[in-house]
């Protein structure tokens, strides 16, 4: 899994390479702003699924809450092959 890194300037979160042997890490608090997809100009972003639990579904069988666009310097396929996802509730 990757981890978030704050960038100086306007509030931005950049998906960065993970630390060795670290499977779960905390992301900075994200501000979620709804917008129409047709009006967005998204470049160098990874469409990351956001799930309620680590099992990627809850008791009702519902899993994915929404898709978050995270900036990344790597190609999105790098993160897709690693199965990166955001989880709202972590089971430690």
PDB file of N, CA and C in Angstrom:
ATOM      1  N   UNK A   1       0.825  -1.164   0.000  1.00  0.00           N
ATOM      2  CA  UNK A   1       0.000   0.000   0.000  1.00  0.00           C
ATOM      3  C   UNK A   1       0.878   1.239   0.000  1.00  0.00           C
ATOM      4  N   UNK A   2       0.404   2.296  -0.515  1.00  0.00           N
ATOM      5  CA  UNK A   2       1.156   3.536  -0.511  1.00  0.00           C
ATOM      6  C   UNK A   2       0.852   4.364   0.713  1.00  0.00           C
ATOM      7  N   UNK A   3       1.496   5.494   0.827  1.00  0.00           N
ATOM      8  CA  UNK A   3       1.174   6.395   1.923  1.00  0.00           C
ATOM      9  C   UNK A   3       1.121   7.807   1.389  1.00  0.00           C
ATOM     10  N   UNK A   4       0.430   8.658   2.151  1.00  0.00           N
ATOM     11  CA  UNK A   4       0.233  10.028   1.706  1.00  0.00           C
ATOM     12  C   UNK A   4       1.351  10.929   2.178  1.00  0.00           C
ATOM     13  N   UNK A   5       1.606  11.943   1.403  1.00  0.00           N
ATOM     14  CA  UNK A   5       2.641  12.906   1.737  1.00  0.00           C
ATOM     15  C   UNK A   5       2.080  14.289   1.449  1.00  0.00           C
ATOM     16  N   UNK A   6       2.252  15.205   2.394  1.00  0.00           N
ATOM     17  CA  UNK A   6       1.783  16.571   2.181  1.00  0.00           C
ATOM     18  C   UNK A   6       2.799  17.333   1.352  1.00  0.00           C
ATOM     19  N   UNK A   7       2.297  18.202   0.490  1.00  0.00           N
ATOM     20  CA  UNK A   7       3.139  19.017  -0.377  1.00  0.00           C
ATOM     21  C   UNK A   7       2.941  20.475   0.020  1.00  0.00           C
ATOM     22  N   UNK A   8       4.034  21.252   0.144  1.00  0.00           N
ATOM     23  CA  UNK A   8       3.874  22.670   0.499  1.00  0.00           C
ATOM     24  C   UNK A   8       3.003  23.402  -0.514  1.00  0.00           C
ATOM     25  N   UNK A   9       2.286  24.391  -0.051  1.00  0.00           N
ATOM     26  CA  UNK A   9       1.418  25.166  -0.926  1.00  0.00           C
ATOM     27  C   UNK A   9      -0.031  24.826  -0.686  1.00  0.00           C
ATOM     28  N   UNK A  10      -0.853  24.843  -1.731  1.00  0.00           N
ATOM     29  CA  UNK A  10      -2.271  24.520  -1.563  1.00  0.00           C
ATOM     30  C   UNK A  10      -2.427  23.098  -1.037  1.00  0.00           C
ATOM     31  N   UNK A  11      -3.527  22.810  -0.310  1.00  0.00           N
ATOM     32  CA  UNK A  11      -3.704  21.474   0.247  1.00  0.00           C
ATOM     33  C   UNK A  11      -3.727  20.407  -0.847  1.00  0.00           C
ATOM     34  N   UNK A  12      -2.705  19.575  -0.887  1.00  0.00           N
ATOM     35  CA  UNK A  12      -2.590  18.514  -1.879  1.00  0.00           C
ATOM     36  C   UNK A  12      -2.027  17.277  -1.194  1.00  0.00           C
ATOM     37  N   UNK A  13      -2.515  16.116  -1.573  1.00  0.00           N
ATOM     38  CA  UNK A  13      -1.970  14.858  -1.059  1.00  0.00           C
ATOM     39  C   UNK A  13      -1.419  14.091  -2.245  1.00  0.00           C
ATOM     40  N   UNK A  14      -0.194  13.616  -2.108  1.00  0.00           N
ATOM     41  CA  UNK A  14       0.470  12.885  -3.172  1.00  0.00           C
ATOM     42  C   UNK A  14       0.679  11.453  -2.724  1.00  0.00           C
ATOM     43  N   UNK A  15       0.274  10.499  -3.528  1.00  0.00           N
ATOM     44  CA  UNK A  15       0.470   9.090  -3.218  1.00  0.00           C
ATOM     45  C   UNK A  15       1.926   8.751  -3.487  1.00  0.00           C
ATOM     46  N   UNK A  16       2.660   8.302  -2.464  1.00  0.00           N
ATOM     47  CA  UNK A  16       4.087   8.028  -2.579  1.00  0.00           C
ATOM     48  C   UNK A  16       4.372   6.562  -2.330  1.00  0.00           C
ATOM     49  N   UNK A  17       5.589   6.148  -2.630  1.00  0.00           N
ATOM     50  CA  UNK A  17       5.981   4.762  -2.415  1.00  0.00           C
ATOM     51  C   UNK A  17       5.891   4.402  -0.946  1.00  0.00           C
ATOM     52  N   UNK A  18       5.572   3.141  -0.678  1.00  0.00           N
ATOM     53  CA  UNK A  18       5.399   2.673   0.689  1.00  0.00           C
ATOM     54  C   UNK A  18       6.736   2.331   1.336  1.00  0.00           C
ATOM     55  N   UNK A  19       6.698   2.237   2.652  1.00  0.00           N
ATOM     56  CA  UNK A  19       7.887   1.830   3.403  1.00  0.00           C
ATOM     57  C   UNK A  19       7.954   0.310   3.398  1.00  0.00           C
ATOM     58  N   UNK A  20       9.167  -0.283   3.470  1.00  0.00           N
ATOM     59  CA  UNK A  20       9.284  -1.741   3.467  1.00  0.00           C
ATOM     60  C   UNK A  20       8.512  -2.389   4.620  1.00  0.00           C
ATOM     61  N   UNK A  21       7.844  -3.488   4.331  1.00  0.00           N
ATOM     62  CA  UNK A  21       7.094  -4.308   5.284  1.00  0.00           C
ATOM     63  C   UNK A  21       5.934  -3.569   5.953  1.00  0.00           C
ATOM     64  N   UNK A  22       5.471  -2.494   5.382  1.00  0.00           N
ATOM     65  CA  UNK A  22       4.338  -1.758   5.931  1.00  0.00           C
ATOM     66  C   UNK A  22       3.139  -1.962   5.014  1.00  0.00           C
ATOM     67  N   UNK A  23       2.144  -2.704   5.510  1.00  0.00           N
ATOM     68  CA  UNK A  23       0.972  -3.011   4.691  1.00  0.00           C
ATOM     69  C   UNK A  23      -0.143  -1.988   4.854  1.00  0.00           C
ATOM     70  N   UNK A  24      -0.260  -1.422   6.062  1.00  0.00           N
ATOM     71  CA  UNK A  24      -1.312  -0.452   6.337  1.00  0.00           C
ATOM     72  C   UNK A  24      -0.665   0.810   6.883  1.00  0.00           C
ATOM     73  N   UNK A  25      -1.046   1.937   6.350  1.00  0.00           N
ATOM     74  CA  UNK A  25      -0.517   3.211   6.843  1.00  0.00           C
ATOM     75  C   UNK A  25      -1.618   4.261   6.773  1.00  0.00           C
ATOM     76  N   UNK A  26      -1.475   5.284   7.605  1.00  0.00           N
ATOM     77  CA  UNK A  26      -2.481   6.336   7.659  1.00  0.00           C
ATOM     78  C   UNK A  26      -2.235   7.380   6.577  1.00  0.00           C
ATOM     79  N   UNK A  27      -3.333   7.877   6.037  1.00  0.00           N
ATOM     80  CA  UNK A  27      -3.280   8.977   5.078  1.00  0.00           C
ATOM     81  C   UNK A  27      -3.615  10.254   5.826  1.00  0.00           C
ATOM     82  N   UNK A  28      -3.163  11.389   5.333  1.00  0.00           N
ATOM     83  CA  UNK A  28      -3.600  12.659   5.928  1.00  0.00           C
ATOM     84  C   UNK A  28      -5.106  12.819   5.731  1.00  0.00           C
ATOM     85  N   UNK A  29      -5.711  13.671   6.503  1.00  0.00           N
ATOM     86  CA  UNK A  29      -7.144  13.923   6.357  1.00  0.00           C
ATOM     87  C   UNK A  29      -7.391  14.544   4.983  1.00  0.00           C
ATOM     88  N   UNK A  30      -8.356  13.988   4.279  1.00  0.00           N
ATOM     89  CA  UNK A  30      -8.677  14.455   2.931  1.00  0.00           C
ATOM     90  C   UNK A  30      -9.955  15.275   2.953  1.00  0.00           C
ATOM     91  N   UNK A  31      -9.983  16.347   2.201  1.00  0.00           N
ATOM     92  CA  UNK A  31     -11.205  17.117   2.017  1.00  0.00           C
ATOM     93  C   UNK A  31     -11.868  16.597   0.747  1.00  0.00           C
ATOM     94  N   UNK A  32     -13.099  16.146   0.886  1.00  0.00           N
ATOM     95  CA  UNK A  32     -13.819  15.568  -0.245  1.00  0.00           C
ATOM     96  C   UNK A  32     -14.814  16.597  -0.760  1.00  0.00           C
ATOM     97  N   UNK A  33     -14.648  16.969  -2.031  1.00  0.00           N
ATOM     98  CA  UNK A  33     -15.511  17.968  -2.655  1.00  0.00           C
ATOM     99  C   UNK A  33     -16.218  17.310  -3.845  1.00  0.00           C
ATOM    100  N   UNK A  34     -17.537  17.155  -3.771  1.00  0.00           N
ATOM    101  CA  UNK A  34     -18.246  16.555  -4.905  1.00  0.00           C
ATOM    102  C   UNK A  34     -18.241  17.486  -6.117  1.00  0.00           C
ATOM    103  N   UNK A  35     -18.076  16.907  -7.283  1.00  0.00           N
ATOM    104  CA  UNK A  35     -18.079  17.684  -8.527  1.00  0.00           C
ATOM    105  C   UNK A  35     -18.521  16.776  -9.668  1.00  0.00           C
ATOM    106  N   UNK A  36     -19.026  17.393 -10.725  1.00  0.00           N
ATOM    107  CA  UNK A  36     -19.425  16.623 -11.902  1.00  0.00           C
ATOM    108  C   UNK A  36     -18.174  16.134 -12.618  1.00  0.00           C
ATOM    109  N   UNK A  37     -18.160  14.864 -12.958  1.00  0.00           N
ATOM    110  CA  UNK A  37     -16.987  14.275 -13.610  1.00  0.00           C
ATOM    111  C   UNK A  37     -16.689  14.941 -14.951  1.00  0.00           C
ATOM    112  N   UNK A  38     -17.711  15.374 -15.648  1.00  0.00           N
ATOM    113  CA  UNK A  38     -17.493  15.980 -16.970  1.00  0.00           C
ATOM    114  C   UNK A  38     -16.787  17.340 -16.880  1.00  0.00           C
ATOM    115  N   UNK A  39     -16.835  17.977 -15.708  1.00  0.00           N
ATOM    116  CA  UNK A  39     -16.219  19.292 -15.551  1.00  0.00           C
ATOM    117  C   UNK A  39     -14.804  19.225 -14.967  1.00  0.00           C
ATOM    118  N   UNK A  40     -14.342  18.034 -14.619  1.00  0.00           N
ATOM    119  CA  UNK A  40     -13.011  17.889 -14.026  1.00  0.00           C
ATOM    120  C   UNK A  40     -11.955  17.650 -15.098  1.00  0.00           C
ATOM    121  N   UNK A  41     -10.791  18.230 -14.909  1.00  0.00           N
ATOM    122  CA  UNK A  41      -9.640  17.973 -15.772  1.00  0.00           C
ATOM    123  C   UNK A  41      -8.595  17.279 -14.908  1.00  0.00           C
ATOM    124  N   UNK A  42      -8.618  15.958 -14.924  1.00  0.00           N
ATOM    125  CA  UNK A  42      -7.762  15.180 -14.046  1.00  0.00           C
ATOM    126  C   UNK A  42      -6.591  14.619 -14.846  1.00  0.00           C
ATOM    127  N   UNK A  43      -5.375  14.860 -14.343  1.00  0.00           N
ATOM    128  CA  UNK A  43      -4.164  14.395 -15.008  1.00  0.00           C
ATOM    129  C   UNK A  43      -3.220  13.820 -13.951  1.00  0.00           C
ATOM    130  N   UNK A  44      -2.528  12.741 -14.259  1.00  0.00           N
ATOM    131  CA  UNK A  44      -1.579  12.085 -13.357  1.00  0.00           C
ATOM    132  C   UNK A  44      -2.231  11.696 -12.035  1.00  0.00           C
ATOM    133  N   UNK A  45      -3.446  11.165 -12.085  1.00  0.00           N
ATOM    134  CA  UNK A  45      -4.156  10.743 -10.889  1.00  0.00           C
ATOM    135  C   UNK A  45      -4.492   9.265 -10.972  1.00  0.00           C
ATOM    136  N   UNK A  46      -4.640   8.674  -9.801  1.00  0.00           N
ATOM    137  CA  UNK A  46      -5.054   7.278  -9.696  1.00  0.00           C
ATOM    138  C   UNK A  46      -6.472   7.245  -9.157  1.00  0.00           C
ATOM    139  N   UNK A  47      -7.357   6.562  -9.849  1.00  0.00           N
ATOM    140  CA  UNK A  47      -8.717   6.378  -9.345  1.00  0.00           C
ATOM    141  C   UNK A  47      -8.663   5.253  -8.322  1.00  0.00           C
ATOM    142  N   UNK A  48      -8.731   5.634  -7.042  1.00  0.00           N
ATOM    143  CA  UNK A  48      -8.559   4.698  -5.939  1.00  0.00           C
ATOM    144  C   UNK A  48      -9.907   4.381  -5.310  1.00  0.00           C
ATOM    145  N   UNK A  49     -10.267   3.102  -5.186  1.00  0.00           N
ATOM    146  CA  UNK A  49     -11.532   2.769  -4.530  1.00  0.00           C
ATOM    147  C   UNK A  49     -11.442   3.034  -3.029  1.00  0.00           C
ATOM    148  N   UNK A  50     -12.544   3.514  -2.450  1.00  0.00           N
ATOM    149  CA  UNK A  50     -12.632   3.753  -1.008  1.00  0.00           C
ATOM    150  C   UNK A  50     -13.660   2.775  -0.458  1.00  0.00           C
ATOM    151  N   UNK A  51     -13.233   1.923   0.494  1.00  0.00           N
ATOM    152  CA  UNK A  51     -14.088   0.897   1.077  1.00  0.00           C
ATOM    153  C   UNK A  51     -14.394   1.214   2.533  1.00  0.00           C
ATOM    154  N   UNK A  52     -15.460   0.617   3.063  1.00  0.00           N
ATOM    155  CA  UNK A  52     -15.838   0.804   4.455  1.00  0.00           C
ATOM    156  C   UNK A  52     -14.911   0.012   5.367  1.00  0.00           C
ATOM    157  N   UNK A  53     -14.670  -1.262   5.058  1.00  0.00           N
ATOM    158  CA  UNK A  53     -13.834  -2.125   5.901  1.00  0.00           C
ATOM    159  C   UNK A  53     -12.731  -2.769   5.075  1.00  0.00           C
ATOM    160  N   UNK A  54     -11.782  -3.392   5.777  1.00  0.00           N
ATOM    161  CA  UNK A  54     -10.673  -4.055   5.088  1.00  0.00           C
ATOM    162  C   UNK A  54     -11.123  -5.248   4.263  1.00  0.00           C
ATOM    163  N   UNK A  55     -12.228  -5.871   4.637  1.00  0.00           N
ATOM    164  CA  UNK A  55     -12.726  -6.999   3.847  1.00  0.00           C
ATOM    165  C   UNK A  55     -13.383  -6.518   2.553  1.00  0.00           C
ATOM    166  N   UNK A  56     -13.407  -5.209   2.376  1.00  0.00           N
ATOM    167  CA  UNK A  56     -13.933  -4.540   1.177  1.00  0.00           C
ATOM    168  C   UNK A  56     -15.430  -4.709   0.998  1.00  0.00           C
ATOM    169  N   UNK A  57     -16.105  -5.080   2.091  1.00  0.00           N
ATOM    170  CA  UNK A  57     -17.573  -5.085   2.101  1.00  0.00           C
ATOM    171  C   UNK A  57     -18.038  -5.058   3.554  1.00  0.00           C
ATOM    172  N   UNK A  58     -19.252  -4.604   3.778  1.00  0.00           N
ATOM    173  CA  UNK A  58     -19.787  -4.588   5.128  1.00  0.00           C
ATOM    174  C   UNK A  58     -20.783  -5.724   5.293  1.00  0.00           C
ATOM    175  N   UNK A  59     -21.510  -5.753   6.401  1.00  0.00           N
ATOM    176  CA  UNK A  59     -22.438  -6.843   6.693  1.00  0.00           C
ATOM    177  C   UNK A  59     -23.547  -6.962   5.652  1.00  0.00           C
ATOM    178  N   UNK A  60     -23.907  -5.844   5.019  1.00  0.00           N
ATOM    179  CA  UNK A  60     -24.974  -5.873   4.011  1.00  0.00           C
ATOM    180  C   UNK A  60     -24.445  -6.241   2.633  1.00  0.00           C
ATOM    181  N   UNK A  61     -23.141  -6.486   2.500  1.00  0.00           N
ATOM    182  CA  UNK A  61     -22.568  -6.856   1.220  1.00  0.00           C
ATOM    183  C   UNK A  61     -22.144  -5.661   0.380  1.00  0.00           C
ATOM    184  N   UNK A  62     -22.346  -4.461   0.915  1.00  0.00           N
ATOM    185  CA  UNK A  62     -21.965  -3.249   0.204  1.00  0.00           C
ATOM    186  C   UNK A  62     -20.513  -2.958   0.518  1.00  0.00           C
ATOM    187  N   UNK A  63     -19.730  -2.655  -0.491  1.00  0.00           N
ATOM    188  CA  UNK A  63     -18.312  -2.439  -0.248  1.00  0.00           C
ATOM    189  C   UNK A  63     -17.844  -1.050  -0.600  1.00  0.00           C
ATOM    190  N   UNK A  64     -17.715  -0.790  -1.864  1.00  0.00           N
ATOM    191  CA  UNK A  64     -17.131   0.473  -2.321  1.00  0.00           C
ATOM    192  C   UNK A  64     -18.063   1.640  -2.021  1.00  0.00           C
ATOM    193  N   UNK A  65     -17.507   2.678  -1.382  1.00  0.00           N
ATOM    194  CA  UNK A  65     -18.279   3.865  -1.056  1.00  0.00           C
ATOM    195  C   UNK A  65     -18.216   4.851  -2.215  1.00  0.00           C
ATOM    196  N   UNK A  66     -16.992   5.141  -2.676  1.00  0.00           N
ATOM    197  CA  UNK A  66     -16.793   6.027  -3.820  1.00  0.00           C
ATOM    198  C   UNK A  66     -15.381   5.818  -4.354  1.00  0.00           C
ATOM    199  N   UNK A  67     -15.042   6.531  -5.405  1.00  0.00           N
ATOM    200  CA  UNK A  67     -13.711   6.456  -5.994  1.00  0.00           C
ATOM    201  C   UNK A  67     -13.027   7.805  -5.772  1.00  0.00           C
ATOM    202  N   UNK A  68     -11.820   7.763  -5.189  1.00  0.00           N
ATOM    203  CA  UNK A  68     -11.064   8.992  -4.932  1.00  0.00           C
ATOM    204  C   UNK A  68      -9.958   9.124  -5.977  1.00  0.00           C
ATOM    205  N   UNK A  69      -9.724  10.339  -6.434  1.00  0.00           N
ATOM    206  CA  UNK A  69      -8.626  10.616  -7.365  1.00  0.00           C
ATOM    207  C   UNK A  69      -7.441  11.122  -6.561  1.00  0.00           C
ATOM    208  N   UNK A  70      -6.345  10.352  -6.539  1.00  0.00           N
ATOM    209  CA  UNK A  70      -5.143  10.727  -5.801  1.00  0.00           C
ATOM    210  C   UNK A  70      -4.003  10.991  -6.772  1.00  0.00           C
ATOM    211  N   UNK A  71      -3.283  12.082  -6.549  1.00  0.00           N
ATOM    212  CA  UNK A  71      -2.135  12.400  -7.405  1.00  0.00           C
ATOM    213  C   UNK A  71      -1.005  11.417  -7.120  1.00  0.00           C
ATOM    214  N   UNK A  72      -0.270  11.060  -8.171  1.00  0.00           N
ATOM    215  CA  UNK A  72       0.863  10.158  -8.018  1.00  0.00           C
ATOM    216  C   UNK A  72       1.892  10.434  -9.111  1.00  0.00           C
ATOM    217  N   UNK A  73       3.184  10.415  -8.761  1.00  0.00           N
ATOM    218  CA  UNK A  73       4.209  10.593  -9.792  1.00  0.00           C
ATOM    219  C   UNK A  73       4.420   9.319 -10.619  1.00  0.00           C
ATOM    220  N   UNK A  74       4.061   8.156 -10.055  1.00  0.00           N
ATOM    221  CA  UNK A  74       4.208   6.894 -10.773  1.00  0.00           C
ATOM    222  C   UNK A  74       3.016   6.674 -11.708  1.00  0.00           C
ATOM    223  N   UNK A  75       3.195   5.773 -12.653  1.00  0.00           N
ATOM    224  CA  UNK A  75       2.102   5.412 -13.552  1.00  0.00           C
ATOM    225  C   UNK A  75       1.014   4.710 -12.743  1.00  0.00           C
ATOM    226  N   UNK A  76      -0.267   4.966 -13.018  1.00  0.00           N
ATOM    227  CA  UNK A  76      -1.339   4.331 -12.243  1.00  0.00           C
ATOM    228  C   UNK A  76      -1.266   2.803 -12.206  1.00  0.00           C
ATOM    229  N   UNK A  77      -0.730   2.176 -13.242  1.00  0.00           N
ATOM    230  CA  UNK A  77      -0.632   0.710 -13.245  1.00  0.00           C
ATOM    231  C   UNK A  77       0.246   0.199 -12.110  1.00  0.00           C
ATOM    232  N   UNK A  78       1.224   0.995 -11.674  1.00  0.00           N
ATOM    233  CA  UNK A  78       2.085   0.610 -10.541  1.00  0.00           C
ATOM    234  C   UNK A  78       1.229   0.346  -9.298  1.00  0.00           C
ATOM    235  N   UNK A  79       0.269   1.237  -9.031  1.00  0.00           N
ATOM    236  CA  UNK A  79      -0.567   1.122  -7.845  1.00  0.00           C
ATOM    237  C   UNK A  79      -1.668   0.088  -8.041  1.00  0.00           C
ATOM    238  N   UNK A  80      -2.194  -0.025  -9.250  1.00  0.00           N
ATOM    239  CA  UNK A  80      -3.253  -1.000  -9.519  1.00  0.00           C
ATOM    240  C   UNK A  80      -2.736  -2.414  -9.312  1.00  0.00           C
ATOM    241  N   UNK A  81      -1.519  -2.693  -9.772  1.00  0.00           N
ATOM    242  CA  UNK A  81      -0.936  -4.023  -9.598  1.00  0.00           C
ATOM    243  C   UNK A  81      -0.676  -4.350  -8.131  1.00  0.00           C
ATOM    244  N   UNK A  82      -0.489  -3.328  -7.289  1.00  0.00           N
ATOM    245  CA  UNK A  82      -0.280  -3.553  -5.864  1.00  0.00           C
ATOM    246  C   UNK A  82      -1.595  -3.602  -5.084  1.00  0.00           C
ATOM    247  N   UNK A  83      -2.706  -3.343  -5.742  1.00  0.00           N
ATOM    248  CA  UNK A  83      -4.005  -3.418  -5.089  1.00  0.00           C
ATOM    249  C   UNK A  83      -4.261  -2.311  -4.090  1.00  0.00           C
ATOM    250  N   UNK A  84      -3.794  -1.105  -4.366  1.00  0.00           N
ATOM    251  CA  UNK A  84      -3.953   0.015  -3.436  1.00  0.00           C
ATOM    252  C   UNK A  84      -5.421   0.411  -3.317  1.00  0.00           C
ATOM    253  N   UNK A  85      -5.855   0.636  -2.079  1.00  0.00           N
ATOM    254  CA  UNK A  85      -7.220   1.083  -1.803  1.00  0.00           C
ATOM    255  C   UNK A  85      -7.219   1.891  -0.508  1.00  0.00           C
ATOM    256  N   UNK A  86      -8.213   2.740  -0.349  1.00  0.00           N
ATOM    257  CA  UNK A  86      -8.395   3.471   0.904  1.00  0.00           C
ATOM    258  C   UNK A  86      -9.485   2.758   1.693  1.00  0.00           C
ATOM    259  N   UNK A  87      -9.277   2.650   3.009  1.00  0.00           N
ATOM    260  CA  UNK A  87     -10.225   1.954   3.887  1.00  0.00           C
ATOM    261  C   UNK A  87     -10.623   2.920   5.003  1.00  0.00           C
ATOM    262  N   UNK A  88     -11.923   3.042   5.259  1.00  0.00           N
ATOM    263  CA  UNK A  88     -12.408   3.965   6.279  1.00  0.00           C
ATOM    264  C   UNK A  88     -12.253   3.391   7.693  1.00  0.00           C
ATOM    265  N   UNK A  89     -12.483   2.096   7.885  1.00  0.00           N
ATOM    266  CA  UNK A  89     -12.363   1.452   9.197  1.00  0.00           C
ATOM    267  C   UNK A  89     -11.333   0.334   9.105  1.00  0.00           C
ATOM    268  N   UNK A  90     -10.263   0.438   9.894  1.00  0.00           N
ATOM    269  CA  UNK A  90      -9.179  -0.550   9.845  1.00  0.00           C
ATOM    270  C   UNK A  90      -9.297  -1.486  11.020  1.00  0.00           C
ATOM    271  N   UNK A  91      -9.177  -2.793  10.773  1.00  0.00           N
ATOM    272  CA  UNK A  91      -9.180  -3.809  11.824  1.00  0.00           C
ATOM    273  C   UNK A  91      -7.735  -4.106  12.216  1.00  0.00           C
ATOM    274  N   UNK A  92      -7.326  -3.657  13.377  1.00  0.00           N
ATOM    275  CA  UNK A  92      -5.961  -3.931  13.822  1.00  0.00           C
ATOM    276  C   UNK A  92      -5.908  -5.190  14.623  1.00  0.00           C
TER     277      UNK A  92
END
